[in-house]
Amino acid sequence: MSALLTTDAIERHLVALTDWRLDHNQTRIEKRFVFEDFQVAFAFMVQVAFCAERLNHHPDWSNSHTTVDISLTTHNAGGLTKKDFFLAQAIEDIFI
């Protein structure tokens, strides 16, 4: 199991990401992605799904037309670990 990050470590990792925010319980990081249309949003989700499978770390997410909301936490650790920030950066790389 991955080790939970300290509050200071979470803040340091969060600064390196664009527009990700910490949830009110400080156990998840979240971001909304907006696309030009549903096809582009869905294609993004497919790319993220393949990446998540490779990393064996999966997002909680939802899609509504042109938006994709993603929430990351390490469920078996009960909060945020390095895995969440690694996946968030990979998602950012896909989004670009």
C-alpha atoms as a PDB file:
ATOM      1  CA  MET A   1       0.000   0.000   0.000  1.00  0.00           C
ATOM      2  CA  SER A   2       1.160   3.544  -0.703  1.00  0.00           C
ATOM      3  CA  ALA A   3       1.899   5.885   2.198  1.00  0.00           C
ATOM      4  CA  LEU A   4      -0.418   8.816   2.849  1.00  0.00           C
ATOM      5  CA  LEU A   5       1.088  12.211   2.137  1.00  0.00           C
ATOM      6  CA  THR A   6       1.433  14.873   4.815  1.00  0.00           C
ATOM      7  CA  THR A   7      -0.439  18.153   4.451  1.00  0.00           C
ATOM      8  CA  ASP A   8       2.833  19.883   3.517  1.00  0.00           C
ATOM      9  CA  ALA A   9       3.630  17.274   0.865  1.00  0.00           C
ATOM     10  CA  ILE A  10       0.120  17.566  -0.585  1.00  0.00           C
ATOM     11  CA  GLU A  11       0.502  21.342  -0.864  1.00  0.00           C
ATOM     12  CA  ARG A  12       3.910  20.994  -2.562  1.00  0.00           C
ATOM     13  CA  HIS A  13       2.543  18.510  -5.110  1.00  0.00           C
ATOM     14  CA  LEU A  14      -0.611  20.555  -5.700  1.00  0.00           C
ATOM     15  CA  VAL A  15       1.374  23.683  -6.591  1.00  0.00           C
ATOM     16  CA  ALA A  16       2.933  21.803  -9.513  1.00  0.00           C
ATOM     17  CA  LEU A  17      -0.489  21.073 -11.068  1.00  0.00           C
ATOM     18  CA  THR A  18      -2.711  23.478 -13.001  1.00  0.00           C
ATOM     19  CA  ASP A  19      -6.169  24.131 -11.531  1.00  0.00           C
ATOM     20  CA  TRP A  20      -6.390  20.979  -9.419  1.00  0.00           C
ATOM     21  CA  ARG A  21      -7.918  21.622  -6.009  1.00  0.00           C
ATOM     22  CA  LEU A  22      -8.024  19.817  -2.717  1.00  0.00           C
ATOM     23  CA  ASP A  23     -11.479  18.717  -1.569  1.00  0.00           C
ATOM     24  CA  HIS A  24     -12.897  19.873   1.771  1.00  0.00           C
ATOM     25  CA  ASN A  25     -11.863  16.614   3.514  1.00  0.00           C
ATOM     26  CA  GLN A  26      -8.308  16.916   2.138  1.00  0.00           C
ATOM     27  CA  THR A  27      -8.494  13.325   0.891  1.00  0.00           C
ATOM     28  CA  ARG A  28      -8.981  13.988  -2.838  1.00  0.00           C
ATOM     29  CA  ILE A  29      -7.735  16.259  -5.588  1.00  0.00           C
ATOM     30  CA  GLU A  30     -10.244  17.341  -8.212  1.00  0.00           C
ATOM     31  CA  LYS A  31     -10.415  19.119 -11.532  1.00  0.00           C
ATOM     32  CA  ARG A  32     -13.005  19.925 -14.203  1.00  0.00           C
ATOM     33  CA  PHE A  33     -11.927  19.624 -17.841  1.00  0.00           C
ATOM     34  CA  VAL A  34     -13.987  21.372 -20.537  1.00  0.00           C
ATOM     35  CA  PHE A  35     -13.893  20.430 -24.228  1.00  0.00           C
ATOM     36  CA  GLU A  36     -15.298  21.734 -27.493  1.00  0.00           C
ATOM     37  CA  ASP A  37     -17.751  18.839 -27.885  1.00  0.00           C
ATOM     38  CA  PHE A  38     -18.741  15.425 -26.567  1.00  0.00           C
ATOM     39  CA  GLN A  39     -16.486  13.484 -28.956  1.00  0.00           C
ATOM     40  CA  VAL A  40     -13.365  15.273 -27.767  1.00  0.00           C
ATOM     41  CA  ALA A  41     -14.385  14.852 -24.115  1.00  0.00           C
ATOM     42  CA  PHE A  42     -15.002  11.152 -24.620  1.00  0.00           C
ATOM     43  CA  ALA A  43     -11.719  10.661 -26.504  1.00  0.00           C
ATOM     44  CA  PHE A  44      -9.926  12.291 -23.561  1.00  0.00           C
ATOM     45  CA  MET A  45     -11.656   9.879 -21.182  1.00  0.00           C
ATOM     46  CA  VAL A  46     -10.558   6.897 -23.274  1.00  0.00           C
ATOM     47  CA  GLN A  47      -6.938   8.071 -23.201  1.00  0.00           C
ATOM     48  CA  VAL A  48      -7.099   8.603 -19.438  1.00  0.00           C
ATOM     49  CA  ALA A  49      -8.668   5.155 -18.996  1.00  0.00           C
ATOM     50  CA  PHE A  50      -5.782   3.467 -20.817  1.00  0.00           C
ATOM     51  CA  CYS A  51      -3.262   5.442 -18.757  1.00  0.00           C
ATOM     52  CA  ALA A  52      -5.053   4.565 -15.509  1.00  0.00           C
ATOM     53  CA  GLU A  53      -5.003   0.886 -16.450  1.00  0.00           C
ATOM     54  CA  ARG A  54      -1.258   1.008 -17.121  1.00  0.00           C
ATOM     55  CA  LEU A  55      -0.707   2.659 -13.737  1.00  0.00           C
ATOM     56  CA  ASN A  56      -3.278   0.431 -11.989  1.00  0.00           C
ATOM     57  CA  HIS A  57      -4.703   3.553 -10.367  1.00  0.00           C
ATOM     58  CA  HIS A  58      -8.183   4.641 -11.383  1.00  0.00           C
ATOM     59  CA  PRO A  59     -10.013   7.976 -11.149  1.00  0.00           C
ATOM     60  CA  ASP A  60     -13.484   8.672  -9.900  1.00  0.00           C
ATOM     61  CA  TRP A  61     -15.050  10.694 -12.668  1.00  0.00           C
ATOM     62  CA  SER A  62     -18.165  11.835 -14.464  1.00  0.00           C
ATOM     63  CA  ASN A  63     -18.942  13.199 -17.889  1.00  0.00           C
ATOM     64  CA  SER A  64     -21.712  15.530 -18.986  1.00  0.00           C
ATOM     65  CA  HIS A  65     -21.611  16.530 -22.638  1.00  0.00           C
ATOM     66  CA  THR A  66     -18.460  18.686 -22.877  1.00  0.00           C
ATOM     67  CA  THR A  67     -17.201  18.419 -19.299  1.00  0.00           C
ATOM     68  CA  VAL A  68     -15.241  15.724 -17.478  1.00  0.00           C
ATOM     69  CA  ASP A  69     -14.913  15.972 -13.713  1.00  0.00           C
ATOM     70  CA  ILE A  70     -12.068  13.933 -12.230  1.00  0.00           C
ATOM     71  CA  SER A  71     -11.415  13.146  -8.584  1.00  0.00           C
ATOM     72  CA  LEU A  72      -8.337  11.261  -7.422  1.00  0.00           C
ATOM     73  CA  THR A  73      -7.660   9.482  -4.144  1.00  0.00           C
ATOM     74  CA  THR A  74      -5.918   6.272  -3.165  1.00  0.00           C
ATOM     75  CA  HIS A  75      -8.881   4.301  -1.862  1.00  0.00           C
ATOM     76  CA  ASN A  76      -6.956   1.555  -0.083  1.00  0.00           C
ATOM     77  CA  ALA A  77      -4.796   4.153   1.715  1.00  0.00           C
ATOM     78  CA  GLY A  78      -7.758   6.304   2.712  1.00  0.00           C
ATOM     79  CA  GLY A  79      -6.446   9.521   1.191  1.00  0.00           C
ATOM     80  CA  LEU A  80      -3.820  11.095  -1.013  1.00  0.00           C
ATOM     81  CA  THR A  81      -0.580   9.378  -1.985  1.00  0.00           C
ATOM     82  CA  LYS A  82       2.074   9.999  -4.604  1.00  0.00           C
ATOM     83  CA  LYS A  83       0.036   7.796  -6.963  1.00  0.00           C
ATOM     84  CA  ASP A  84      -2.676  10.464  -7.137  1.00  0.00           C
ATOM     85  CA  PHE A  85      -0.293  13.214  -8.113  1.00  0.00           C
ATOM     86  CA  PHE A  86       1.497  10.987 -10.625  1.00  0.00           C
ATOM     87  CA  LEU A  87      -1.834  10.181 -12.305  1.00  0.00           C
ATOM     88  CA  ALA A  88      -2.911  13.846 -12.164  1.00  0.00           C
ATOM     89  CA  GLN A  89       0.274  14.855 -14.004  1.00  0.00           C
ATOM     90  CA  ALA A  90      -0.282  12.095 -16.583  1.00  0.00           C
ATOM     91  CA  ILE A  91      -3.847  13.393 -17.079  1.00  0.00           C
ATOM     92  CA  GLU A  92      -2.481  16.904 -17.567  1.00  0.00           C
ATOM     93  CA  ASP A  93      -0.079  15.574 -20.199  1.00  0.00           C
ATOM     94  CA  ILE A  94      -3.004  13.956 -22.033  1.00  0.00           C
ATOM     95  CA  PHE A  95      -5.069  17.136 -21.814  1.00  0.00           C
ATOM     96  CA  ILE A  96      -2.408  19.274 -23.478  1.00  0.00           C
END
